[in-house]
Amino acid sequence: TLYLQMNSLKSEDTAVYYCAKPGSVTRVAGTEHYEYDYWGQGTQVT
């Protein structure tokens, strides 16, 4: 299980939130670039 604890929420945080699984990772110049192959169904945060 993955979690996201959200505190001090603001109106601009209103969105549909998705968890996502990387299918591949490319490392370039010290940074990681993810391509996501699976997504959660999304959940509304208002």
All heavy atoms as atom14 arrays in JSON, in Angstrom:
{
  "sequence": "TLYLQMNSLKSEDTAVYYCAKPGSVTRVAGTEHYEYDYWGQGTQVT",
  "atom14_mask": [
    [1, 1, 1, 1, 1, 1, 1, 0, 0, 0, 0, 0, 0, 0],
    [1, 1, 1, 1, 1, 1, 1, 1, 0, 0, 0, 0, 0, 0],
    [1, 1, 1, 1, 1, 1, 1, 1, 1, 1, 1, 1, 0, 0],
    [1, 1, 1, 1, 1, 1, 1, 1, 0, 0, 0, 0, 0, 0],
    [1, 1, 1, 1, 1, 1, 1, 1, 1, 0, 0, 0, 0, 0],
    [1, 1, 1, 1, 1, 1, 1, 1, 0, 0, 0, 0, 0, 0],
    [1, 1, 1, 1, 1, 1, 1, 1, 0, 0, 0, 0, 0, 0],
    [1, 1, 1, 1, 1, 1, 0, 0, 0, 0, 0, 0, 0, 0],
    [1, 1, 1, 1, 1, 1, 1, 1, 0, 0, 0, 0, 0, 0],
    [1, 1, 1, 1, 1, 1, 1, 1, 1, 0, 0, 0, 0, 0],
    [1, 1, 1, 1, 1, 1, 0, 0, 0, 0, 0, 0, 0, 0],
    [1, 1, 1, 1, 1, 1, 1, 1, 1, 0, 0, 0, 0, 0],
    [1, 1, 1, 1, 1, 1, 1, 1, 0, 0, 0, 0, 0, 0],
    [1, 1, 1, 1, 1, 1, 1, 0, 0, 0, 0, 0, 0, 0],
    [1, 1, 1, 1, 1, 0, 0, 0, 0, 0, 0, 0, 0, 0],
    [1, 1, 1, 1, 1, 1, 1, 0, 0, 0, 0, 0, 0, 0],
    [1, 1, 1, 1, 1, 1, 1, 1, 1, 1, 1, 1, 0, 0],
    [1, 1, 1, 1, 1, 1, 1, 1, 1, 1, 1, 1, 0, 0],
    [1, 1, 1, 1, 1, 1, 0, 0, 0, 0, 0, 0, 0, 0],
    [1, 1, 1, 1, 1, 0, 0, 0, 0, 0, 0, 0, 0, 0],
    [1, 1, 1, 1, 1, 1, 1, 1, 1, 0, 0, 0, 0, 0],
    [1, 1, 1, 1, 1, 1, 1, 0, 0, 0, 0, 0, 0, 0],
    [1, 1, 1, 1, 0, 0, 0, 0, 0, 0, 0, 0, 0, 0],
    [1, 1, 1, 1, 1, 1, 0, 0, 0, 0, 0, 0, 0, 0],
    [1, 1, 1, 1, 1, 1, 1, 0, 0, 0, 0, 0, 0, 0],
    [1, 1, 1, 1, 1, 1, 1, 0, 0, 0, 0, 0, 0, 0],
    [1, 1, 1, 1, 1, 1, 1, 1, 1, 1, 1, 0, 0, 0],
    [1, 1, 1, 1, 1, 1, 1, 0, 0, 0, 0, 0, 0, 0],
    [1, 1, 1, 1, 1, 0, 0, 0, 0, 0, 0, 0, 0, 0],
    [1, 1, 1, 1, 0, 0, 0, 0, 0, 0, 0, 0, 0, 0],
    [1, 1, 1, 1, 1, 1, 1, 0, 0, 0, 0, 0, 0, 0],
    [1, 1, 1, 1, 1, 1, 1, 1, 1, 0, 0, 0, 0, 0],
    [1, 1, 1, 1, 1, 1, 1, 1, 1, 1, 0, 0, 0, 0],
    [1, 1, 1, 1, 1, 1, 1, 1, 1, 1, 1, 1, 0, 0],
    [1, 1, 1, 1, 1, 1, 1, 1, 1, 0, 0, 0, 0, 0],
    [1, 1, 1, 1, 1, 1, 1, 1, 1, 1, 1, 1, 0, 0],
    [1, 1, 1, 1, 1, 1, 1, 1, 0, 0, 0, 0, 0, 0],
    [1, 1, 1, 1, 1, 1, 1, 1, 1, 1, 1, 1, 0, 0],
    [1, 1, 1, 1, 1, 1, 1, 1, 1, 1, 1, 1, 1, 1],
    [1, 1, 1, 1, 0, 0, 0, 0, 0, 0, 0, 0, 0, 0],
    [1, 1, 1, 1, 1, 1, 1, 1, 1, 0, 0, 0, 0, 0],
    [1, 1, 1, 1, 0, 0, 0, 0, 0, 0, 0, 0, 0, 0],
    [1, 1, 1, 1, 1, 1, 1, 0, 0, 0, 0, 0, 0, 0],
    [1, 1, 1, 1, 1, 1, 1, 1, 1, 0, 0, 0, 0, 0],
    [1, 1, 1, 1, 1, 1, 1, 0, 0, 0, 0, 0, 0, 0],
    [1, 1, 1, 1, 1, 1, 1, 0, 0, 0, 0, 0, 0, 0]
  ],
  "atom14_positions": [
    [[0.82, -1.2, 0.0], [0.0, 0.0, 0.0], [0.86, 1.26, 0.0], [1.85, 1.35, 0.73], [-0.94, 0.02, 1.2], [-1.78, -1.15, 1.15], [-1.84, 1.25, 1.18], [0.0, 0.0, 0.0], [0.0, 0.0, 0.0], [0.0, 0.0, 0.0], [0.0, 0.0, 0.0], [0.0, 0.0, 0.0], [0.0, 0.0, 0.0], [0.0, 0.0, 0.0]],
    [[0.45, 2.2, -0.82], [1.05, 3.52, -0.92], [0.11, 4.53, -0.28], [-1.11, 4.42, -0.41], [1.27, 3.87, -2.39], [1.79, 5.25, -2.72], [3.27, 5.35, -2.36], [1.57, 5.54, -4.21], [0.0, 0.0, 0.0], [0.0, 0.0, 0.0], [0.0, 0.0, 0.0], [0.0, 0.0, 0.0], [0.0, 0.0, 0.0], [0.0, 0.0, 0.0]],
    [[0.68, 5.53, 0.39], [-0.12, 6.55, 1.07], [0.32, 7.95, 0.67], [1.47, 8.18, 0.31], [0.03, 6.44, 2.59], [-0.35, 5.1, 3.16], [0.62, 4.16, 3.46], [-1.68, 4.79, 3.41], [0.28, 2.93, 3.99], [-2.02, 3.57, 3.94], [-1.05, 2.64, 4.24], [-1.38, 1.42, 4.77], [0.0, 0.0, 0.0], [0.0, 0.0, 0.0]],
    [[-0.62, 8.87, 0.78], [-0.31, 10.28, 0.69], [-1.06, 11.0, 1.81], [-2.29, 11.1, 1.77], [-0.7, 10.88, -0.66], [-0.31, 12.34, -0.87], [1.21, 12.49, -0.95], [-0.96, 12.9, -2.13], [0.0, 0.0, 0.0], [0.0, 0.0, 0.0], [0.0, 0.0, 0.0], [0.0, 0.0, 0.0], [0.0, 0.0, 0.0], [0.0, 0.0, 0.0]],
    [[-0.32, 11.48, 2.79], [-0.89, 12.28, 3.86], [-0.86, 13.74, 3.43], [0.21, 14.27, 3.13], [-0.1, 12.1, 5.16], [-0.6, 12.94, 6.32], [-1.97, 12.52, 6.8], [-2.23, 11.34, 6.98], [-2.86, 13.49, 7.0], [0.0, 0.0, 0.0], [0.0, 0.0, 0.0], [0.0, 0.0, 0.0], [0.0, 0.0, 0.0], [0.0, 0.0, 0.0]],
    [[-2.02, 14.37, 3.42], [-2.14, 15.75, 2.96], [-2.62, 16.61, 4.12], [-3.72, 16.4, 4.64], [-3.11, 15.85, 1.79], [-2.73, 14.96, 0.61], [-3.82, 15.2, -0.81], [-5.34, 14.52, -0.14], [0.0, 0.0, 0.0], [0.0, 0.0, 0.0], [0.0, 0.0, 0.0], [0.0, 0.0, 0.0], [0.0, 0.0, 0.0], [0.0, 0.0, 0.0]],
    [[-1.81, 17.57, 4.51], [-2.13, 18.49, 5.59], [-2.17, 19.92, 5.06], [-1.66, 20.21, 3.98], [-1.1, 18.4, 6.71], [-1.04, 17.04, 7.35], [-2.05, 16.35, 7.47], [0.16, 16.63, 7.78], [0.0, 0.0, 0.0], [0.0, 0.0, 0.0], [0.0, 0.0, 0.0], [0.0, 0.0, 0.0], [0.0, 0.0, 0.0], [0.0, 0.0, 0.0]],
    [[-2.75, 20.81, 5.84], [-2.82, 22.23, 5.49], [-3.34, 22.42, 4.07], [-2.78, 23.18, 3.28], [-1.45, 22.88, 5.66], [-0.99, 22.76, 6.99], [0.0, 0.0, 0.0], [0.0, 0.0, 0.0], [0.0, 0.0, 0.0], [0.0, 0.0, 0.0], [0.0, 0.0, 0.0], [0.0, 0.0, 0.0], [0.0, 0.0, 0.0], [0.0, 0.0, 0.0]],
    [[-4.41, 21.76, 3.77], [-4.93, 21.77, 2.4], [-5.46, 23.14, 2.01], [-6.02, 23.87, 2.83], [-6.01, 20.71, 2.24], [-5.48, 19.29, 2.15], [-6.57, 18.28, 2.44], [-4.88, 19.04, 0.76], [0.0, 0.0, 0.0], [0.0, 0.0, 0.0], [0.0, 0.0, 0.0], [0.0, 0.0, 0.0], [0.0, 0.0, 0.0], [0.0, 0.0, 0.0]],
    [[-5.27, 23.46, 0.74], [-5.67, 24.73, 0.16], [-6.66, 24.47, -0.96], [-6.7, 23.38, -1.53], [-4.45, 25.47, -0.39], [-3.33, 25.66, 0.59], [-2.1, 26.22, -0.1], [-0.94, 26.38, 0.87], [0.26, 26.91, 0.19], [0.0, 0.0, 0.0], [0.0, 0.0, 0.0], [0.0, 0.0, 0.0], [0.0, 0.0, 0.0], [0.0, 0.0, 0.0]],
    [[-7.41, 25.5, -1.32], [-8.38, 25.34, -2.39], [-7.71, 24.91, -3.69], [-8.3, 24.14, -4.47], [-9.17, 26.62, -2.61], [-8.33, 27.7, -2.96], [0.0, 0.0, 0.0], [0.0, 0.0, 0.0], [0.0, 0.0, 0.0], [0.0, 0.0, 0.0], [0.0, 0.0, 0.0], [0.0, 0.0, 0.0], [0.0, 0.0, 0.0], [0.0, 0.0, 0.0]],
    [[-6.49, 25.36, -3.93], [-5.79, 24.99, -5.14], [-5.33, 23.53, -5.17], [-4.83, 23.06, -6.19], [-4.6, 25.93, -5.41], [-3.66, 26.07, -4.24], [-3.93, 27.31, -3.41], [-5.11, 27.58, -3.1], [-2.96, 28.02, -3.08], [0.0, 0.0, 0.0], [0.0, 0.0, 0.0], [0.0, 0.0, 0.0], [0.0, 0.0, 0.0], [0.0, 0.0, 0.0]],
    [[-5.5, 22.82, -4.06], [-5.23, 21.39, -4.04], [-6.4, 20.57, -4.58], [-6.28, 19.35, -4.7], [-4.9, 20.92, -2.62], [-3.61, 21.52, -2.09], [-2.63, 21.59, -2.85], [-3.59, 21.9, -0.9], [0.0, 0.0, 0.0], [0.0, 0.0, 0.0], [0.0, 0.0, 0.0], [0.0, 0.0, 0.0], [0.0, 0.0, 0.0], [0.0, 0.0, 0.0]],
    [[-7.51, 21.22, -4.86], [-8.66, 20.53, -5.41], [-8.29, 19.9, -6.75], [-7.84, 20.58, -7.67], [-9.83, 21.48, -5.59], [-10.27, 21.94, -4.3], [-11.0, 20.79, -6.27], [0.0, 0.0, 0.0], [0.0, 0.0, 0.0], [0.0, 0.0, 0.0], [0.0, 0.0, 0.0], [0.0, 0.0, 0.0], [0.0, 0.0, 0.0], [0.0, 0.0, 0.0]],
    [[-8.47, 18.59, -6.85], [-8.05, 17.86, -8.04], [-8.48, 16.41, -7.9], [-8.9, 15.96, -6.83], [-6.53, 17.93, -8.21], [0.0, 0.0, 0.0], [0.0, 0.0, 0.0], [0.0, 0.0, 0.0], [0.0, 0.0, 0.0], [0.0, 0.0, 0.0], [0.0, 0.0, 0.0], [0.0, 0.0, 0.0], [0.0, 0.0, 0.0], [0.0, 0.0, 0.0]],
    [[-8.34, 15.69, -9.0], [-8.41, 14.24, -8.95], [-6.99, 13.73, -8.75], [-6.08, 14.11, -9.48], [-9.01, 13.65, -10.23], [-9.0, 12.13, -10.17], [-10.44, 14.15, -10.42], [0.0, 0.0, 0.0], [0.0, 0.0, 0.0], [0.0, 0.0, 0.0], [0.0, 0.0, 0.0], [0.0, 0.0, 0.0], [0.0, 0.0, 0.0], [0.0, 0.0, 0.0]],
    [[-6.82, 12.89, -7.76], [-5.51, 12.37, -7.4], [-5.37, 10.92, -7.84], [-6.28, 10.11, -7.64], [-5.29, 12.47, -5.88], [-5.02, 13.87, -5.41], [-6.02, 14.83, -5.42], [-3.75, 14.24, -4.97], [-5.77, 16.13, -5.01], [-3.5, 15.54, -4.54], [-4.51, 16.49, -4.57], [-4.25, 17.76, -4.15], [0.0, 0.0, 0.0], [0.0, 0.0, 0.0]],
    [[-4.23, 10.62, -8.44], [-3.96, 9.29, -8.94], [-2.67, 8.74, -8.35], [-1.67, 9.46, -8.25], [-3.76, 9.3, -10.47], [-4.93, 9.79, -11.27], [-5.07, 11.13, -11.6], [-5.9, 8.89, -11.71], [-6.13, 11.57, -12.35], [-6.98, 9.33, -12.46], [-7.09, 10.68, -12.78], [-8.15, 11.11, -13.54], [0.0, 0.0, 0.0], [0.0, 0.0, 0.0]],
    [[-2.67, 7.49, -7.98], [-1.4, 6.81, -7.77], [-0.98, 6.17, -9.08], [-1.82, 5.85, -9.94], [-1.47, 5.77, -6.64], [-2.65, 4.43, -6.88], [0.0, 0.0, 0.0], [0.0, 0.0, 0.0], [0.0, 0.0, 0.0], [0.0, 0.0, 0.0], [0.0, 0.0, 0.0], [0.0, 0.0, 0.0], [0.0, 0.0, 0.0], [0.0, 0.0, 0.0]],
    [[0.3, 6.01, -9.27], [0.81, 5.53, -10.54], [2.06, 4.69, -10.35], [2.91, 5.0, -9.51], [1.12, 6.72, -11.47], [0.0, 0.0, 0.0], [0.0, 0.0, 0.0], [0.0, 0.0, 0.0], [0.0, 0.0, 0.0], [0.0, 0.0, 0.0], [0.0, 0.0, 0.0], [0.0, 0.0, 0.0], [0.0, 0.0, 0.0], [0.0, 0.0, 0.0]],
    [[2.17, 3.66, -11.13], [3.29, 2.73, -11.12], [4.18, 2.97, -12.32], [3.69, 2.96, -13.46], [2.79, 1.29, -11.15], [3.88, 0.26, -11.37], [3.3, -1.1, -11.66], [4.38, -2.09, -12.07], [4.98, -1.73, -13.37], [0.0, 0.0, 0.0], [0.0, 0.0, 0.0], [0.0, 0.0, 0.0], [0.0, 0.0, 0.0], [0.0, 0.0, 0.0]],
    [[5.47, 3.19, -12.12], [6.37, 3.32, -13.27], [6.56, 1.99, -13.97], [6.76, 0.95, -13.34], [7.7, 3.78, -12.64], [7.37, 4.18, -11.24], [6.17, 3.36, -10.84], [0.0, 0.0, 0.0], [0.0, 0.0, 0.0], [0.0, 0.0, 0.0], [0.0, 0.0, 0.0], [0.0, 0.0, 0.0], [0.0, 0.0, 0.0], [0.0, 0.0, 0.0]],
    [[6.49, 2.02, -15.3], [6.82, 0.86, -16.09], [8.28, 0.83, -16.49], [8.84, -0.23, -16.74], [0.0, 0.0, 0.0], [0.0, 0.0, 0.0], [0.0, 0.0, 0.0], [0.0, 0.0, 0.0], [0.0, 0.0, 0.0], [0.0, 0.0, 0.0], [0.0, 0.0, 0.0], [0.0, 0.0, 0.0], [0.0, 0.0, 0.0], [0.0, 0.0, 0.0]],
    [[8.88, 2.01, -16.55], [10.28, 2.12, -16.9], [10.85, 3.38, -16.28], [10.12, 4.33, -16.01], [10.49, 2.13, -18.41], [9.86, 3.25, -19.0], [0.0, 0.0, 0.0], [0.0, 0.0, 0.0], [0.0, 0.0, 0.0], [0.0, 0.0, 0.0], [0.0, 0.0, 0.0], [0.0, 0.0, 0.0], [0.0, 0.0, 0.0], [0.0, 0.0, 0.0]],
    [[12.14, 3.36, -16.08], [12.85, 4.5, -15.52], [14.09, 4.74, -16.36], [14.86, 3.82, -16.62], [13.26, 4.28, -14.05], [13.99, 5.5, -13.51], [12.04, 3.96, -13.2], [0.0, 0.0, 0.0], [0.0, 0.0, 0.0], [0.0, 0.0, 0.0], [0.0, 0.0, 0.0], [0.0, 0.0, 0.0], [0.0, 0.0, 0.0], [0.0, 0.0, 0.0]],
    [[14.26, 5.97, -16.79], [15.45, 6.38, -17.51], [16.2, 7.39, -16.66], [15.61, 8.36, -16.19], [15.11, 6.99, -18.87], [14.37, 6.04, -19.64], [16.38, 7.37, -19.62], [0.0, 0.0, 0.0], [0.0, 0.0, 0.0], [0.0, 0.0, 0.0], [0.0, 0.0, 0.0], [0.0, 0.0, 0.0], [0.0, 0.0, 0.0], [0.0, 0.0, 0.0]],
    [[17.47, 7.16, -16.48], [18.3, 8.07, -15.7], [19.18, 8.88, -16.64], [20.01, 8.33, -17.35], [19.14, 7.3, -14.69], [18.28, 6.61, -13.64], [19.08, 5.66, -12.77], [18.25, 5.06, -11.74], [17.48, 4.0, -11.92], [17.44, 3.4, -13.1], [16.75, 3.53, -10.92], [0.0, 0.0, 0.0], [0.0, 0.0, 0.0], [0.0, 0.0, 0.0]],
    [[18.97, 10.17, -16.62], [19.7, 11.08, -17.5], [20.19, 12.25, -16.66], [19.4, 12.92, -15.98], [18.82, 11.6, -18.65], [19.61, 12.57, -19.51], [18.29, 10.44, -19.48], [0.0, 0.0, 0.0], [0.0, 0.0, 0.0], [0.0, 0.0, 0.0], [0.0, 0.0, 0.0], [0.0, 0.0, 0.0], [0.0, 0.0, 0.0], [0.0, 0.0, 0.0]],
    [[21.49, 12.49, -16.72], [22.09, 13.65, -16.04], [21.7, 13.69, -14.57], [21.41, 14.76, -14.02], [21.72, 14.94, -16.75], [0.0, 0.0, 0.0], [0.0, 0.0, 0.0], [0.0, 0.0, 0.0], [0.0, 0.0, 0.0], [0.0, 0.0, 0.0], [0.0, 0.0, 0.0], [0.0, 0.0, 0.0], [0.0, 0.0, 0.0], [0.0, 0.0, 0.0]],
    [[21.67, 12.54, -13.94], [21.4, 12.47, -12.52], [19.94, 12.55, -12.13], [19.62, 12.54, -10.93], [0.0, 0.0, 0.0], [0.0, 0.0, 0.0], [0.0, 0.0, 0.0], [0.0, 0.0, 0.0], [0.0, 0.0, 0.0], [0.0, 0.0, 0.0], [0.0, 0.0, 0.0], [0.0, 0.0, 0.0], [0.0, 0.0, 0.0], [0.0, 0.0, 0.0]],
    [[19.04, 12.63, -13.1], [17.62, 12.68, -12.81], [16.94, 11.42, -13.33], [17.39, 10.8, -14.29], [16.96, 13.92, -13.43], [17.06, 13.86, -14.86], [17.63, 15.19, -12.93], [0.0, 0.0, 0.0], [0.0, 0.0, 0.0], [0.0, 0.0, 0.0], [0.0, 0.0, 0.0], [0.0, 0.0, 0.0], [0.0, 0.0, 0.0], [0.0, 0.0, 0.0]],
    [[15.85, 11.06, -12.68], [15.07, 9.9, -13.07], [13.8, 10.32, -13.79], [13.09, 11.22, -13.33], [14.72, 9.04, -11.86], [15.93, 8.45, -11.17], [15.58, 7.49, -10.06], [14.41, 7.49, -9.61], [16.47, 6.74, -9.63], [0.0, 0.0, 0.0], [0.0, 0.0, 0.0], [0.0, 0.0, 0.0], [0.0, 0.0, 0.0], [0.0, 0.0, 0.0]],
    [[13.53, 9.68, -14.91], [12.36, 9.97, -15.71], [11.49, 8.72, -15.76], [11.92, 7.69, -16.27], [12.76, 10.4, -17.12], [13.64, 11.61, -17.13], [13.16, 12.87, -17.34], [14.98, 11.74, -16.96], [14.15, 13.73, -17.3], [15.27, 13.07, -17.06], [0.0, 0.0, 0.0], [0.0, 0.0, 0.0], [0.0, 0.0, 0.0], [0.0, 0.0, 0.0]],
    [[10.3, 8.84, -15.23], [9.39, 7.71, -15.16], [8.38, 7.74, -16.3], [7.85, 8.8, -16.65], [8.6, 7.71, -13.86], [9.38, 7.5, -12.59], [8.77, 7.72, -11.35], [10.7, 7.07, -12.6], [9.46, 7.53, -10.17], [11.4, 6.88, -11.42], [10.78, 7.11, -10.21], [11.47, 6.92, -9.03], [0.0, 0.0, 0.0], [0.0, 0.0, 0.0]],
    [[8.1, 6.57, -16.85], [6.94, 6.37, -17.7], [6.01, 5.44, -16.96], [6.39, 4.33, -16.6], [7.35, 5.78, -19.05], [8.17, 6.72, -19.9], [8.42, 6.18, -21.29], [7.93, 5.07, -21.6], [9.09, 6.87, -22.06], [0.0, 0.0, 0.0], [0.0, 0.0, 0.0], [0.0, 0.0, 0.0], [0.0, 0.0, 0.0], [0.0, 0.0, 0.0]],
    [[4.78, 5.89, -16.74], [3.84, 5.14, -15.92], [3.01, 4.2, -16.78], [2.42, 4.63, -17.78], [2.94, 6.1, -15.16], [3.71, 7.01, -14.24], [3.91, 8.34, -14.54], [4.27, 6.51, -13.06], [4.64, 9.17, -13.7], [5.0, 7.33, -12.22], [5.18, 8.66, -12.54], [5.91, 9.47, -11.7], [0.0, 0.0, 0.0], [0.0, 0.0, 0.0]],
    [[2.96, 2.95, -16.38], [2.2, 1.98, -17.16], [0.88, 1.58, -16.51], [0.02, 1.01, -17.19], [3.04, 0.74, -17.49], [3.55, -0.02, -16.27], [3.36, 0.45, -15.13], [4.16, -1.09, -16.47], [0.0, 0.0, 0.0], [0.0, 0.0, 0.0], [0.0, 0.0, 0.0], [0.0, 0.0, 0.0], [0.0, 0.0, 0.0], [0.0, 0.0, 0.0]],
    [[0.71, 1.87, -15.22], [-0.55, 1.57, -14.56], [-0.91, 2.71, -13.63], [-0.05, 3.32, -12.98], [-0.48, 0.26, -13.78], [-0.41, -0.95, -14.68], [0.8, -1.52, -15.01], [-1.57, -1.49, -15.22], [0.88, -2.6, -15.86], [-1.51, -2.58, -16.07], [-0.28, -3.13, -16.39], [-0.22, -4.21, -17.23], [0.0, 0.0, 0.0], [0.0, 0.0, 0.0]],
    [[-2.22, 2.96, -13.55], [-2.77, 4.06, -12.78], [-3.91, 3.59, -11.91], [-4.67, 2.7, -12.29], [-3.32, 5.16, -13.71], [-2.29, 5.76, -14.61], [-1.74, 5.21, -15.72], [-1.7, 7.06, -14.46], [-0.84, 6.08, -16.28], [-0.8, 7.22, -15.53], [-1.85, 8.09, -13.55], [-0.05, 8.38, -15.7], [-1.11, 9.24, -13.71], [-0.22, 9.38, -14.78]],
    [[-4.04, 4.2, -10.75], [-5.24, 4.01, -9.97], [-6.43, 4.65, -10.66], [-6.3, 5.38, -11.66], [0.0, 0.0, 0.0], [0.0, 0.0, 0.0], [0.0, 0.0, 0.0], [0.0, 0.0, 0.0], [0.0, 0.0, 0.0], [0.0, 0.0, 0.0], [0.0, 0.0, 0.0], [0.0, 0.0, 0.0], [0.0, 0.0, 0.0], [0.0, 0.0, 0.0]],
    [[-7.61, 4.39, -10.12], [-8.83, 4.89, -10.75], [-9.03, 6.38, -10.53], [-9.89, 7.0, -11.19], [-10.05, 4.11, -10.25], [-10.6, 4.55, -8.88], [-9.9, 3.91, -7.7], [-8.78, 3.43, -7.79], [-10.58, 3.92, -6.56], [0.0, 0.0, 0.0], [0.0, 0.0, 0.0], [0.0, 0.0, 0.0], [0.0, 0.0, 0.0], [0.0, 0.0, 0.0]],
    [[-8.27, 6.96, -9.64], [-8.41, 8.37, -9.3], [-9.42, 8.58, -8.18], [-10.41, 7.87, -8.07], [0.0, 0.0, 0.0], [0.0, 0.0, 0.0], [0.0, 0.0, 0.0], [0.0, 0.0, 0.0], [0.0, 0.0, 0.0], [0.0, 0.0, 0.0], [0.0, 0.0, 0.0], [0.0, 0.0, 0.0], [0.0, 0.0, 0.0], [0.0, 0.0, 0.0]],
    [[-9.14, 9.56, -7.35], [-10.07, 9.92, -6.29], [-10.15, 11.44, -6.19], [-9.13, 12.14, -6.24], [-9.67, 9.28, -4.95], [-10.68, 9.54, -3.97], [-8.34, 9.82, -4.44], [0.0, 0.0, 0.0], [0.0, 0.0, 0.0], [0.0, 0.0, 0.0], [0.0, 0.0, 0.0], [0.0, 0.0, 0.0], [0.0, 0.0, 0.0], [0.0, 0.0, 0.0]],
    [[-11.37, 11.94, -6.05], [-11.59, 13.39, -5.99], [-11.26, 13.93, -4.61], [-11.74, 13.41, -3.6], [-13.04, 13.71, -6.34], [-13.39, 15.19, -6.26], [-12.75, 16.0, -7.35], [-12.8, 15.62, -8.52], [-12.13, 17.12, -6.98], [0.0, 0.0, 0.0], [0.0, 0.0, 0.0], [0.0, 0.0, 0.0], [0.0, 0.0, 0.0], [0.0, 0.0, 0.0]],
    [[-10.47, 14.98, -4.58], [-10.22, 15.76, -3.38], [-10.73, 17.16, -3.64], [-10.28, 17.82, -4.57], [-8.73, 15.78, -3.01], [-8.47, 16.77, -1.87], [-8.25, 14.39, -2.64], [0.0, 0.0, 0.0], [0.0, 0.0, 0.0], [0.0, 0.0, 0.0], [0.0, 0.0, 0.0], [0.0, 0.0, 0.0], [0.0, 0.0, 0.0], [0.0, 0.0, 0.0]],
    [[-11.66, 17.6, -2.82], [-12.22, 18.94, -2.95], [-11.97, 19.7, -1.66], [-12.38, 19.25, -0.58], [-13.72, 18.9, -3.25], [-13.94, 18.16, -4.45], [-14.27, 20.3, -3.4], [0.0, 0.0, 0.0], [0.0, 0.0, 0.0], [0.0, 0.0, 0.0], [0.0, 0.0, 0.0], [0.0, 0.0, 0.0], [0.0, 0.0, 0.0], [0.0, 0.0, 0.0]]
  ]
}
